[in-house]
Amino acid sequence: MRPLIKGIAVAAIHVCLIGTLGAKLVYDRATLPRVWASTVPRDPDLPIRGRYVSLQLVVTPNWFPGAESSHRHDVTLRAEDGSLMADIKKGDDRNTERGPRVRHVTINDENVTVLSDPVAFFIPEHVPDPSLLQTNERLWVEATIPKKGAPRPIRLGVSKNNGPIEPLNLR
């Protein structure tokens, strides 16, 4: 086989692989539940190139509020009534593949439950950092919630004075 034909075959295989990944993400975005989740911006610390905002998603725990705050809990995530809910994994579920974990933190004198692993939202070079907010503003992320794994961010939004969420135009 000639080198040109081999090169074209490898390129076609790569295009097919990337195309199937893109098709899966488009399908997931159309079929999986979506929810706007409040976020806590973090300083990014990934050794990759590109501009991104590292966000910890705030979840609503579906257990009693006096749970041990120093522990991290393995959870399953779901969207319910416009909130990102976290259910503690029970018995046999804990022995399966490790999923998202949550922990309790205090931010601005408010106790919240956040996902332990932050999600990265990539932004274009010309856009100012959306995580730098005014005092009365709160950053939100719309995400799809897969059955397993971390939420997948779609877009960012800001609410002012606990008002409605206004999606940001980051293009």
Protein backbone atom coordinates (compact mmCIF):
# COMPACT_ATOMS: atom_id res chain seq x y z
CA MET A 1 0.00 0.00 0.00
CA ARG A 2 1.35 3.42 -0.89
CA PRO A 3 2.19 5.89 1.91
CA LEU A 4 -0.36 8.41 0.61
CA ILE A 5 -3.17 5.86 0.84
CA LYS A 6 -2.06 4.85 4.35
CA GLY A 7 -2.05 8.50 5.42
CA ILE A 8 -5.54 9.08 4.03
CA ALA A 9 -6.80 5.93 5.78
CA VAL A 10 -5.38 7.06 9.14
CA ALA A 11 -6.85 10.57 8.65
CA ALA A 12 -10.27 9.05 7.83
CA ILE A 13 -10.14 6.92 10.98
CA HIS A 14 -9.32 10.00 13.08
CA VAL A 15 -12.18 11.98 11.53
CA CYS A 16 -14.57 9.09 12.29
CA LEU A 17 -13.42 8.88 15.91
CA ILE A 18 -13.80 12.62 16.49
CA GLY A 19 -17.12 12.62 14.65
CA THR A 20 -18.56 9.86 16.83
CA LEU A 21 -17.45 11.68 20.00
CA GLY A 22 -19.08 14.89 18.74
CA ALA A 23 -22.25 13.01 17.82
CA LYS A 24 -22.38 11.43 21.30
CA LEU A 25 -22.05 14.82 23.00
CA VAL A 26 -24.76 16.34 20.77
CA TYR A 27 -27.03 13.36 21.52
CA ASP A 28 -26.35 13.64 25.26
CA ARG A 29 -27.08 17.37 25.20
CA ALA A 30 -30.43 16.66 23.51
CA THR A 31 -31.49 13.75 25.72
CA LEU A 32 -29.92 14.15 29.18
CA PRO A 33 -31.43 16.43 31.83
CA ARG A 34 -30.07 19.98 32.04
CA VAL A 35 -29.90 22.22 35.07
CA TRP A 36 -28.53 25.62 36.04
CA ALA A 37 -26.18 25.14 38.99
CA SER A 38 -24.66 27.83 41.14
CA THR A 39 -20.88 27.83 41.11
CA VAL A 40 -17.89 28.76 43.19
CA PRO A 41 -15.02 29.94 40.95
CA ARG A 42 -11.57 28.46 41.70
CA ASP A 43 -8.11 29.33 40.52
CA PRO A 44 -7.36 26.96 37.63
CA ASP A 45 -4.45 24.57 38.03
CA LEU A 46 -4.45 22.35 34.96
CA PRO A 47 -1.24 21.83 33.00
CA ILE A 48 -3.00 22.34 29.65
CA ARG A 49 -3.02 25.24 27.29
CA GLY A 50 -6.01 27.45 26.69
CA ARG A 51 -8.18 29.78 28.72
CA TYR A 52 -10.72 28.28 31.04
CA VAL A 53 -12.59 28.94 34.23
CA SER A 54 -12.40 26.27 36.92
CA LEU A 55 -15.76 25.96 38.70
CA GLN A 56 -17.01 24.00 41.67
CA LEU A 57 -20.71 23.30 41.29
CA VAL A 58 -22.95 23.85 44.30
CA VAL A 59 -25.33 20.94 44.86
CA THR A 60 -28.39 20.48 47.04
CA PRO A 61 -27.70 17.49 49.30
CA ASN A 62 -30.59 15.06 49.62
CA TRP A 63 -29.82 14.08 53.20
CA PHE A 64 -30.15 15.68 56.60
CA PRO A 65 -28.24 18.97 56.96
CA GLY A 66 -26.30 17.84 60.03
CA ALA A 67 -24.24 15.30 58.07
CA GLU A 68 -20.59 15.16 59.02
CA SER A 69 -19.13 18.20 57.30
CA SER A 70 -15.52 17.04 57.45
CA HIS A 71 -16.18 13.97 55.29
CA ARG A 72 -16.46 13.65 51.56
CA HIS A 73 -19.41 11.68 50.27
CA ASP A 74 -19.69 9.58 47.12
CA VAL A 75 -22.88 10.66 45.39
CA THR A 76 -25.06 10.27 42.35
CA LEU A 77 -26.27 13.47 40.71
CA ARG A 78 -29.69 14.28 39.27
CA ALA A 79 -31.69 17.26 38.16
CA GLU A 80 -34.89 17.92 40.10
CA ASP A 81 -37.12 21.02 40.01
CA GLY A 82 -34.35 23.14 38.51
CA SER A 83 -31.76 22.14 41.13
CA LEU A 84 -28.69 19.93 40.99
CA MET A 85 -29.38 17.26 43.62
CA ALA A 86 -26.83 14.91 45.23
CA ASP A 87 -27.86 11.56 46.71
CA ILE A 88 -25.38 9.63 48.87
CA LYS A 89 -24.52 6.27 47.35
CA LYS A 90 -25.88 3.40 49.38
CA GLY A 91 -24.39 -0.04 50.13
CA ASP A 92 -23.72 -1.86 46.84
CA ASP A 93 -23.54 1.38 44.84
CA ARG A 94 -20.39 2.40 46.74
CA ASN A 95 -18.50 -0.66 45.45
CA THR A 96 -19.11 0.24 41.82
CA GLU A 97 -17.10 2.66 39.74
CA ARG A 98 -16.17 5.85 41.62
CA GLY A 99 -18.35 8.79 40.66
CA PRO A 100 -18.66 12.37 41.81
CA ARG A 101 -17.88 13.29 45.41
CA VAL A 102 -19.11 16.23 47.42
CA ARG A 103 -17.79 18.10 50.42
CA HIS A 104 -19.09 20.84 52.65
CA VAL A 105 -17.38 24.25 52.59
CA THR A 106 -18.01 27.69 54.06
CA ILE A 107 -18.02 30.57 51.59
CA ASN A 108 -18.84 34.12 52.69
CA ASP A 109 -20.25 32.82 56.00
CA GLU A 110 -22.54 30.44 54.11
CA ASN A 111 -22.28 26.64 54.40
CA VAL A 112 -22.65 25.00 50.99
CA THR A 113 -22.12 21.56 49.50
CA VAL A 114 -19.93 21.49 46.39
CA LEU A 115 -18.60 18.88 44.02
CA SER A 116 -15.05 18.00 45.10
CA ASP A 117 -13.71 17.92 41.55
CA PRO A 118 -14.12 21.19 39.68
CA VAL A 119 -15.33 21.34 36.08
CA ALA A 120 -13.48 23.36 33.46
CA PHE A 121 -15.33 25.76 31.18
CA PHE A 122 -13.16 26.88 28.26
CA ILE A 123 -13.48 30.47 27.09
CA PRO A 124 -12.18 32.31 23.99
CA GLU A 125 -9.03 34.41 24.28
CA HIS A 126 -10.77 37.77 23.69
CA VAL A 127 -13.43 37.30 26.41
CA PRO A 128 -12.81 38.78 29.87
CA ASP A 129 -12.75 36.27 32.73
CA PRO A 130 -16.43 35.64 33.62
CA SER A 131 -15.53 34.48 37.14
CA LEU A 132 -14.55 38.04 38.17
CA LEU A 133 -17.91 39.28 39.45
CA GLN A 134 -19.35 42.27 41.27
CA THR A 135 -20.40 41.87 44.92
CA ASN A 136 -24.10 41.43 44.10
CA GLU A 137 -23.57 38.95 41.23
CA ARG A 138 -23.49 35.15 41.23
CA LEU A 139 -22.04 32.89 38.52
CA TRP A 140 -24.12 29.96 37.23
CA VAL A 141 -23.39 27.17 34.78
CA GLU A 142 -25.90 25.25 32.70
CA ALA A 143 -24.81 21.62 32.54
CA THR A 144 -26.04 18.27 31.33
CA ILE A 145 -26.18 15.61 34.02
CA PRO A 146 -25.03 12.18 32.76
CA LYS A 147 -25.98 8.98 34.58
CA LYS A 148 -22.32 8.47 35.53
CA GLY A 149 -19.52 10.97 35.86
CA ALA A 150 -19.26 14.71 36.29
CA PRO A 151 -21.68 17.27 34.86
CA ARG A 152 -20.79 18.64 31.42
CA PRO A 153 -20.93 22.45 31.27
CA ILE A 154 -22.77 24.02 28.34
CA ARG A 155 -22.85 27.76 29.05
CA LEU A 156 -22.37 30.33 31.81
CA GLY A 157 -24.84 32.83 33.21
CA VAL A 158 -24.93 35.56 35.85
CA SER A 159 -27.69 36.55 38.25
CA LYS A 160 -27.74 39.95 39.91
CA ASN A 161 -29.27 40.44 43.36
CA ASN A 162 -30.69 36.88 43.25
CA GLY A 163 -32.65 37.80 40.11
CA PRO A 164 -33.08 35.72 36.97
CA ILE A 165 -30.08 34.08 35.31
CA GLU A 166 -28.87 35.93 32.22
CA PRO A 167 -26.78 33.69 29.95
CA LEU A 168 -23.43 35.22 28.98
CA ASN A 169 -22.50 35.68 25.32
CA LEU A 170 -18.95 34.34 25.28
CA ARG A 171 -18.42 34.06 21.52
